């Protein structure tokens, strides 16, 4: 089981704060494919918003491996000043 969390504008576009994915893991790219099976268009939304990815609270990329029990978060880009 992998917990997928969405924040800010991504949460609004996806319409959910989190999704529990029944998966043993794989890469973040594999997780996106699995998400799309039950929630069409999520990966397109994430890619169009240029979401940042965190796995277990550490910045990650599409090739980062995710295992059972991990948390994957998609965070919109931000800027400050």
PDB file of N, CA and C in Angstrom:
ATOM      1  N   UNK A   1       0.835  -1.171   0.000  1.00  0.00           N
ATOM      2  CA  UNK A   1       0.000   0.000   0.000  1.00  0.00           C
ATOM      3  C   UNK A   1       0.887   1.244   0.000  1.00  0.00           C
ATOM      4  N   UNK A   2       0.606   2.151  -0.889  1.00  0.00           N
ATOM      5  CA  UNK A   2       1.374   3.395  -1.002  1.00  0.00           C
ATOM      6  C   UNK A   2       0.408   4.558  -0.880  1.00  0.00           C
ATOM      7  N   UNK A   3       0.742   5.513  -0.015  1.00  0.00           N
ATOM      8  CA  UNK A   3      -0.092   6.701   0.165  1.00  0.00           C
ATOM      9  C   UNK A   3       0.378   7.780  -0.808  1.00  0.00           C
ATOM     10  N   UNK A   4      -0.556   8.298  -1.599  1.00  0.00           N
ATOM     11  CA  UNK A   4      -0.269   9.374  -2.544  1.00  0.00           C
ATOM     12  C   UNK A   4      -0.965  10.628  -2.026  1.00  0.00           C
ATOM     13  N   UNK A   5      -0.222  11.711  -1.847  1.00  0.00           N
ATOM     14  CA  UNK A   5      -0.794  12.962  -1.328  1.00  0.00           C
ATOM     15  C   UNK A   5      -0.662  14.075  -2.358  1.00  0.00           C
ATOM     16  N   UNK A   6      -1.679  14.928  -2.400  1.00  0.00           N
ATOM     17  CA  UNK A   6      -1.712  16.064  -3.318  1.00  0.00           C
ATOM     18  C   UNK A   6      -1.858  17.341  -2.497  1.00  0.00           C
ATOM     19  N   UNK A   7      -1.164  18.396  -2.909  1.00  0.00           N
ATOM     20  CA  UNK A   7      -1.186  19.645  -2.158  1.00  0.00           C
ATOM     21  C   UNK A   7      -1.610  20.828  -3.024  1.00  0.00           C
ATOM     22  N   UNK A   8      -2.197  21.826  -2.361  1.00  0.00           N
ATOM     23  CA  UNK A   8      -2.557  23.134  -2.930  1.00  0.00           C
ATOM     24  C   UNK A   8      -3.336  22.995  -4.239  1.00  0.00           C
ATOM     25  N   UNK A   9      -2.866  23.666  -5.293  1.00  0.00           N
ATOM     26  CA  UNK A   9      -3.571  23.667  -6.572  1.00  0.00           C
ATOM     27  C   UNK A   9      -3.731  22.289  -7.186  1.00  0.00           C
ATOM     28  N   UNK A  10      -2.797  21.402  -6.904  1.00  0.00           N
ATOM     29  CA  UNK A  10      -2.901  20.040  -7.427  1.00  0.00           C
ATOM     30  C   UNK A  10      -4.084  19.338  -6.775  1.00  0.00           C
ATOM     31  N   UNK A  11      -4.226  19.512  -5.478  1.00  0.00           N
ATOM     32  CA  UNK A  11      -5.346  18.909  -4.756  1.00  0.00           C
ATOM     33  C   UNK A  11      -6.670  19.399  -5.351  1.00  0.00           C
ATOM     34  N   UNK A  12      -6.741  20.673  -5.649  1.00  0.00           N
ATOM     35  CA  UNK A  12      -7.962  21.248  -6.224  1.00  0.00           C
ATOM     36  C   UNK A  12      -8.248  20.677  -7.606  1.00  0.00           C
ATOM     37  N   UNK A  13      -7.223  20.550  -8.444  1.00  0.00           N
ATOM     38  CA  UNK A  13      -7.415  20.028  -9.805  1.00  0.00           C
ATOM     39  C   UNK A  13      -7.755  18.540  -9.811  1.00  0.00           C
ATOM     40  N   UNK A  14      -7.124  17.778  -8.931  1.00  0.00           N
ATOM     41  CA  UNK A  14      -7.359  16.341  -8.865  1.00  0.00           C
ATOM     42  C   UNK A  14      -8.684  16.050  -8.153  1.00  0.00           C
ATOM     43  N   UNK A  15      -9.048  16.909  -7.220  1.00  0.00           N
ATOM     44  CA  UNK A  15     -10.292  16.720  -6.476  1.00  0.00           C
ATOM     45  C   UNK A  15     -10.169  15.800  -5.283  1.00  0.00           C
ATOM     46  N   UNK A  16      -8.928  15.511  -4.898  1.00  0.00           N
ATOM     47  CA  UNK A  16      -8.674  14.627  -3.753  1.00  0.00           C
ATOM     48  C   UNK A  16      -7.429  15.110  -3.025  1.00  0.00           C
ATOM     49  N   UNK A  17      -7.406  14.858  -1.717  1.00  0.00           N
ATOM     50  CA  UNK A  17      -6.209  15.180  -0.942  1.00  0.00           C
ATOM     51  C   UNK A  17      -5.226  14.018  -0.935  1.00  0.00           C
ATOM     52  N   UNK A  18      -5.769  12.802  -0.953  1.00  0.00           N
ATOM     53  CA  UNK A  18      -4.888  11.647  -0.986  1.00  0.00           C
ATOM     54  C   UNK A  18      -5.586  10.449  -1.608  1.00  0.00           C
ATOM     55  N   UNK A  19      -4.752   9.533  -2.083  1.00  0.00           N
ATOM     56  CA  UNK A  19      -5.210   8.280  -2.672  1.00  0.00           C
ATOM     57  C   UNK A  19      -4.342   7.185  -2.081  1.00  0.00           C
ATOM     58  N   UNK A  20      -4.953   6.071  -1.730  1.00  0.00           N
ATOM     59  CA  UNK A  20      -4.193   4.914  -1.279  1.00  0.00           C
ATOM     60  C   UNK A  20      -4.115   3.957  -2.461  1.00  0.00           C
ATOM     61  N   UNK A  21      -2.905   3.645  -2.856  1.00  0.00           N
ATOM     62  CA  UNK A  21      -2.674   2.790  -4.011  1.00  0.00           C
ATOM     63  C   UNK A  21      -2.250   1.411  -3.526  1.00  0.00           C
ATOM     64  N   UNK A  22      -2.992   0.413  -3.944  1.00  0.00           N
ATOM     65  CA  UNK A  22      -2.656  -0.966  -3.576  1.00  0.00           C
ATOM     66  C   UNK A  22      -1.581  -1.459  -4.531  1.00  0.00           C
ATOM     67  N   UNK A  23      -0.342  -1.214  -4.154  1.00  0.00           N
ATOM     68  CA  UNK A  23       0.790  -1.540  -5.017  1.00  0.00           C
ATOM     69  C   UNK A  23       1.973  -1.932  -4.153  1.00  0.00           C
ATOM     70  N   UNK A  24       2.802  -2.789  -4.682  1.00  0.00           N
ATOM     71  CA  UNK A  24       4.034  -3.172  -3.990  1.00  0.00           C
ATOM     72  C   UNK A  24       5.151  -2.187  -4.278  1.00  0.00           C
ATOM     73  N   UNK A  25       4.952  -1.322  -5.288  1.00  0.00           N
ATOM     74  CA  UNK A  25       5.944  -0.309  -5.573  1.00  0.00           C
ATOM     75  C   UNK A  25       6.404  -0.316  -7.008  1.00  0.00           C
ATOM     76  N   UNK A  26       7.529   0.331  -7.229  1.00  0.00           N
ATOM     77  CA  UNK A  26       8.094   0.551  -8.551  1.00  0.00           C
ATOM     78  C   UNK A  26       8.671   1.953  -8.558  1.00  0.00           C
ATOM     79  N   UNK A  27       8.880   2.509  -9.722  1.00  0.00           N
ATOM     80  CA  UNK A  27       9.365   3.883  -9.812  1.00  0.00           C
ATOM     81  C   UNK A  27       8.187   4.847  -9.659  1.00  0.00           C
ATOM     82  N   UNK A  28       8.479   6.113  -9.464  1.00  0.00           N
ATOM     83  CA  UNK A  28       7.419   7.118  -9.414  1.00  0.00           C
ATOM     84  C   UNK A  28       6.641   7.096 -10.732  1.00  0.00           C
ATOM     85  N   UNK A  29       7.330   6.911 -11.842  1.00  0.00           N
ATOM     86  CA  UNK A  29       6.652   6.822 -13.145  1.00  0.00           C
ATOM     87  C   UNK A  29       5.668   5.646 -13.158  1.00  0.00           C
ATOM     88  N   UNK A  30       6.045   4.514 -12.581  1.00  0.00           N
ATOM     89  CA  UNK A  30       5.143   3.362 -12.489  1.00  0.00           C
ATOM     90  C   UNK A  30       3.925   3.688 -11.623  1.00  0.00           C
ATOM     91  N   UNK A  31       4.160   4.431 -10.555  1.00  0.00           N
ATOM     92  CA  UNK A  31       3.065   4.823  -9.659  1.00  0.00           C
ATOM     93  C   UNK A  31       2.073   5.706 -10.407  1.00  0.00           C
ATOM     94  N   UNK A  32       2.575   6.623 -11.229  1.00  0.00           N
ATOM     95  CA  UNK A  32       1.683   7.486 -12.020  1.00  0.00           C
ATOM     96  C   UNK A  32       0.829   6.661 -12.972  1.00  0.00           C
ATOM     97  N   UNK A  33       1.421   5.672 -13.609  1.00  0.00           N
ATOM     98  CA  UNK A  33       0.659   4.805 -14.514  1.00  0.00           C
ATOM     99  C   UNK A  33      -0.437   4.073 -13.753  1.00  0.00           C
ATOM    100  N   UNK A  34      -0.106   3.578 -12.573  1.00  0.00           N
ATOM    101  CA  UNK A  34      -1.093   2.868 -11.763  1.00  0.00           C
ATOM    102  C   UNK A  34      -2.206   3.805 -11.307  1.00  0.00           C
ATOM    103  N   UNK A  35      -1.858   5.046 -10.980  1.00  0.00           N
ATOM    104  CA  UNK A  35      -2.874   6.031 -10.588  1.00  0.00           C
ATOM    105  C   UNK A  35      -3.852   6.293 -11.720  1.00  0.00           C
ATOM    106  N   UNK A  36      -3.337   6.389 -12.927  1.00  0.00           N
ATOM    107  CA  UNK A  36      -4.186   6.693 -14.082  1.00  0.00           C
ATOM    108  C   UNK A  36      -5.221   5.603 -14.355  1.00  0.00           C
ATOM    109  N   UNK A  37      -4.938   4.373 -13.950  1.00  0.00           N
ATOM    110  CA  UNK A  37      -5.900   3.285 -14.181  1.00  0.00           C
ATOM    111  C   UNK A  37      -7.220   3.557 -13.463  1.00  0.00           C
ATOM    112  N   UNK A  38      -7.130   4.028 -12.220  1.00  0.00           N
ATOM    113  CA  UNK A  38      -8.338   4.291 -11.434  1.00  0.00           C
ATOM    114  C   UNK A  38      -8.762   5.753 -11.446  1.00  0.00           C
ATOM    115  N   UNK A  39      -7.847   6.631 -11.806  1.00  0.00           N
ATOM    116  CA  UNK A  39      -8.102   8.069 -11.773  1.00  0.00           C
ATOM    117  C   UNK A  39      -7.568   8.711 -13.053  1.00  0.00           C
ATOM    118  N   UNK A  40      -8.273   8.489 -14.172  1.00  0.00           N
ATOM    119  CA  UNK A  40      -7.776   8.997 -15.444  1.00  0.00           C
ATOM    120  C   UNK A  40      -7.446  10.490 -15.377  1.00  0.00           C
ATOM    121  N   UNK A  41      -6.382  10.851 -16.037  1.00  0.00           N
ATOM    122  CA  UNK A  41      -5.944  12.230 -16.187  1.00  0.00           C
ATOM    123  C   UNK A  41      -5.065  12.751 -15.051  1.00  0.00           C
ATOM    124  N   UNK A  42      -4.867  11.974 -13.981  1.00  0.00           N
ATOM    125  CA  UNK A  42      -4.037  12.494 -12.890  1.00  0.00           C
ATOM    126  C   UNK A  42      -2.627  12.783 -13.375  1.00  0.00           C
ATOM    127  N   UNK A  43      -2.010  11.865 -14.092  1.00  0.00           N
ATOM    128  CA  UNK A  43      -0.631  12.110 -14.519  1.00  0.00           C
ATOM    129  C   UNK A  43      -0.557  13.305 -15.451  1.00  0.00           C
ATOM    130  N   UNK A  44      -1.565  13.478 -16.306  1.00  0.00           N
ATOM    131  CA  UNK A  44      -1.573  14.650 -17.194  1.00  0.00           C
ATOM    132  C   UNK A  44      -1.656  15.943 -16.386  1.00  0.00           C
ATOM    133  N   UNK A  45      -2.484  15.956 -15.364  1.00  0.00           N
ATOM    134  CA  UNK A  45      -2.594  17.136 -14.496  1.00  0.00           C
ATOM    135  C   UNK A  45      -1.261  17.407 -13.815  1.00  0.00           C
ATOM    136  N   UNK A  46      -0.641  16.370 -13.261  1.00  0.00           N
ATOM    137  CA  UNK A  46       0.626  16.540 -12.544  1.00  0.00           C
ATOM    138  C   UNK A  46       1.728  17.038 -13.469  1.00  0.00           C
ATOM    139  N   UNK A  47       1.782  16.485 -14.668  1.00  0.00           N
ATOM    140  CA  UNK A  47       2.815  16.909 -15.610  1.00  0.00           C
ATOM    141  C   UNK A  47       2.563  18.332 -16.111  1.00  0.00           C
ATOM    142  N   UNK A  48       1.300  18.681 -16.362  1.00  0.00           N
ATOM    143  CA  UNK A  48       0.999  20.023 -16.858  1.00  0.00           C
ATOM    144  C   UNK A  48       1.291  21.089 -15.804  1.00  0.00           C
ATOM    145  N   UNK A  49       1.140  20.743 -14.544  1.00  0.00           N
ATOM    146  CA  UNK A  49       1.419  21.692 -13.468  1.00  0.00           C
ATOM    147  C   UNK A  49       2.881  21.664 -13.028  1.00  0.00           C
ATOM    148  N   UNK A  50       3.662  20.801 -13.648  1.00  0.00           N
ATOM    149  CA  UNK A  50       5.085  20.657 -13.313  1.00  0.00           C
ATOM    150  C   UNK A  50       5.279  20.398 -11.822  1.00  0.00           C
ATOM    151  N   UNK A  51       4.504  19.440 -11.331  1.00  0.00           N
ATOM    152  CA  UNK A  51       4.535  19.111  -9.908  1.00  0.00           C
ATOM    153  C   UNK A  51       5.905  18.627  -9.470  1.00  0.00           C
ATOM    154  N   UNK A  52       6.290  19.042  -8.276  1.00  0.00           N
ATOM    155  CA  UNK A  52       7.482  18.510  -7.643  1.00  0.00           C
ATOM    156  C   UNK A  52       7.063  17.228  -6.926  1.00  0.00           C
ATOM    157  N   UNK A  53       7.997  16.325  -6.771  1.00  0.00           N
ATOM    158  CA  UNK A  53       7.708  15.020  -6.190  1.00  0.00           C
ATOM    159  C   UNK A  53       8.550  14.833  -4.942  1.00  0.00           C
ATOM    160  N   UNK A  54       7.914  14.307  -3.914  1.00  0.00           N
ATOM    161  CA  UNK A  54       8.651  13.932  -2.702  1.00  0.00           C
ATOM    162  C   UNK A  54       8.261  12.501  -2.340  1.00  0.00           C
ATOM    163  N   UNK A  55       9.240  11.716  -1.983  1.00  0.00           N
ATOM    164  CA  UNK A  55       8.999  10.358  -1.486  1.00  0.00           C
ATOM    165  C   UNK A  55       9.504  10.328  -0.048  1.00  0.00           C
ATOM    166  N   UNK A  56       8.591  10.044   0.860  1.00  0.00           N
ATOM    167  CA  UNK A  56       8.921  10.034   2.291  1.00  0.00           C
ATOM    168  C   UNK A  56       9.592  11.339   2.718  1.00  0.00           C
ATOM    169  N   UNK A  57       9.037  12.455   2.269  1.00  0.00           N
ATOM    170  CA  UNK A  57       9.459  13.808   2.652  1.00  0.00           C
ATOM    171  C   UNK A  57      10.815  14.232   2.089  1.00  0.00           C
ATOM    172  N   UNK A  58      11.309  13.518   1.083  1.00  0.00           N
ATOM    173  CA  UNK A  58      12.557  13.909   0.431  1.00  0.00           C
ATOM    174  C   UNK A  58      12.285  14.099  -1.051  1.00  0.00           C
ATOM    175  N   UNK A  59      12.846  15.149  -1.630  1.00  0.00           N
ATOM    176  CA  UNK A  59      12.616  15.431  -3.042  1.00  0.00           C
ATOM    177  C   UNK A  59      13.048  14.227  -3.880  1.00  0.00           C
ATOM    178  N   UNK A  60      12.279  13.972  -4.923  1.00  0.00           N
ATOM    179  CA  UNK A  60      12.497  12.775  -5.732  1.00  0.00           C
ATOM    180  C   UNK A  60      12.238  13.095  -7.199  1.00  0.00           C
ATOM    181  N   UNK A  61      12.499  12.119  -8.048  1.00  0.00           N
ATOM    182  CA  UNK A  61      12.264  12.251  -9.480  1.00  0.00           C
ATOM    183  C   UNK A  61      11.453  11.069  -9.982  1.00  0.00           C
ATOM    184  N   UNK A  62      11.184  11.065 -11.270  1.00  0.00           N
ATOM    185  CA  UNK A  62      10.356  10.031 -11.873  1.00  0.00           C
ATOM    186  C   UNK A  62      10.983   8.636 -11.758  1.00  0.00           C
ATOM    187  N   UNK A  63      12.304   8.567 -11.634  1.00  0.00           N
ATOM    188  CA  UNK A  63      12.979   7.267 -11.549  1.00  0.00           C
ATOM    189  C   UNK A  63      13.159   6.775 -10.113  1.00  0.00           C
ATOM    190  N   UNK A  64      12.806   7.611  -9.147  1.00  0.00           N
ATOM    191  CA  UNK A  64      12.956   7.222  -7.746  1.00  0.00           C
ATOM    192  C   UNK A  64      12.099   5.994  -7.457  1.00  0.00           C
ATOM    193  N   UNK A  65      12.674   5.036  -6.761  1.00  0.00           N
ATOM    194  CA  UNK A  65      11.940   3.821  -6.424  1.00  0.00           C
ATOM    195  C   UNK A  65      11.069   4.039  -5.194  1.00  0.00           C
ATOM    196  N   UNK A  66       9.880   3.479  -5.264  1.00  0.00           N
ATOM    197  CA  UNK A  66       8.894   3.577  -4.194  1.00  0.00           C
ATOM    198  C   UNK A  66       8.545   2.149  -3.791  1.00  0.00           C
ATOM    199  N   UNK A  67       8.444   1.925  -2.492  1.00  0.00           N
ATOM    200  CA  UNK A  67       8.111   0.576  -2.024  1.00  0.00           C
ATOM    201  C   UNK A  67       6.865   0.611  -1.137  1.00  0.00           C
ATOM    202  N   UNK A  68       6.347  -0.553  -0.880  1.00  0.00           N
ATOM    203  CA  UNK A  68       5.170  -0.701  -0.031  1.00  0.00           C
ATOM    204  C   UNK A  68       5.389   0.051   1.282  1.00  0.00           C
ATOM    205  N   UNK A  69       4.408   0.854   1.685  1.00  0.00           N
ATOM    206  CA  UNK A  69       4.491   1.620   2.923  1.00  0.00           C
ATOM    207  C   UNK A  69       4.996   3.035   2.749  1.00  0.00           C
ATOM    208  N   UNK A  70       5.489   3.377   1.557  1.00  0.00           N
ATOM    209  CA  UNK A  70       6.010   4.723   1.309  1.00  0.00           C
ATOM    210  C   UNK A  70       4.880   5.725   1.085  1.00  0.00           C
ATOM    211  N   UNK A  71       5.243   7.002   1.201  1.00  0.00           N
ATOM    212  CA  UNK A  71       4.334   8.100   0.895  1.00  0.00           C
ATOM    213  C   UNK A  71       4.935   8.901  -0.246  1.00  0.00           C
ATOM    214  N   UNK A  72       4.130   9.143  -1.280  1.00  0.00           N
ATOM    215  CA  UNK A  72       4.553   9.954  -2.417  1.00  0.00           C
ATOM    216  C   UNK A  72       3.696  11.211  -2.403  1.00  0.00           C
ATOM    217  N   UNK A  73       4.329  12.363  -2.454  1.00  0.00           N
ATOM    218  CA  UNK A  73       3.609  13.634  -2.432  1.00  0.00           C
ATOM    219  C   UNK A  73       3.882  14.391  -3.731  1.00  0.00           C
ATOM    220  N   UNK A  74       2.834  15.006  -4.256  1.00  0.00           N
ATOM    221  CA  UNK A  74       2.953  15.854  -5.442  1.00  0.00           C
ATOM    222  C   UNK A  74       2.640  17.273  -5.003  1.00  0.00           C
ATOM    223  N   UNK A  75       3.614  18.154  -5.218  1.00  0.00           N
ATOM    224  CA  UNK A  75       3.560  19.519  -4.706  1.00  0.00           C
ATOM    225  C   UNK A  75       3.706  20.483  -5.878  1.00  0.00           C
ATOM    226  N   UNK A  76       2.833  21.494  -5.953  1.00  0.00           N
ATOM    227  CA  UNK A  76       2.991  22.444  -7.056  1.00  0.00           C
ATOM    228  C   UNK A  76       4.262  23.269  -6.872  1.00  0.00           C
ATOM    229  N   UNK A  77       4.818  23.745  -7.986  1.00  0.00           N
ATOM    230  CA  UNK A  77       6.000  24.606  -7.866  1.00  0.00           C
ATOM    231  C   UNK A  77       5.629  25.870  -7.094  1.00  0.00           C
ATOM    232  N   UNK A  78       6.588  26.437  -6.396  1.00  0.00           N
ATOM    233  CA  UNK A  78       6.328  27.650  -5.646  1.00  0.00           C
ATOM    234  C   UNK A  78       7.493  28.597  -5.814  1.00  0.00           C
ATOM    235  N   UNK A  79       7.236  29.827  -5.519  1.00  0.00           N
ATOM    236  CA  UNK A  79       8.304  30.826  -5.565  1.00  0.00           C
ATOM    237  C   UNK A  79       8.124  31.734  -4.374  1.00  0.00           C
ATOM    238  N   UNK A  80       9.166  32.404  -4.035  1.00  0.00           N
ATOM    239  CA  UNK A  80       9.091  33.297  -2.889  1.00  0.00           C
ATOM    240  C   UNK A  80       9.891  34.558  -3.177  1.00  0.00           C
ATOM    241  N   UNK A  81       9.801  35.445  -2.306  1.00  0.00           N
ATOM    242  CA  UNK A  81      10.529  36.678  -2.534  1.00  0.00           C
ATOM    243  C   UNK A  81      10.714  37.462  -1.294  1.00  0.00           C
TER     244      UNK A  81
END
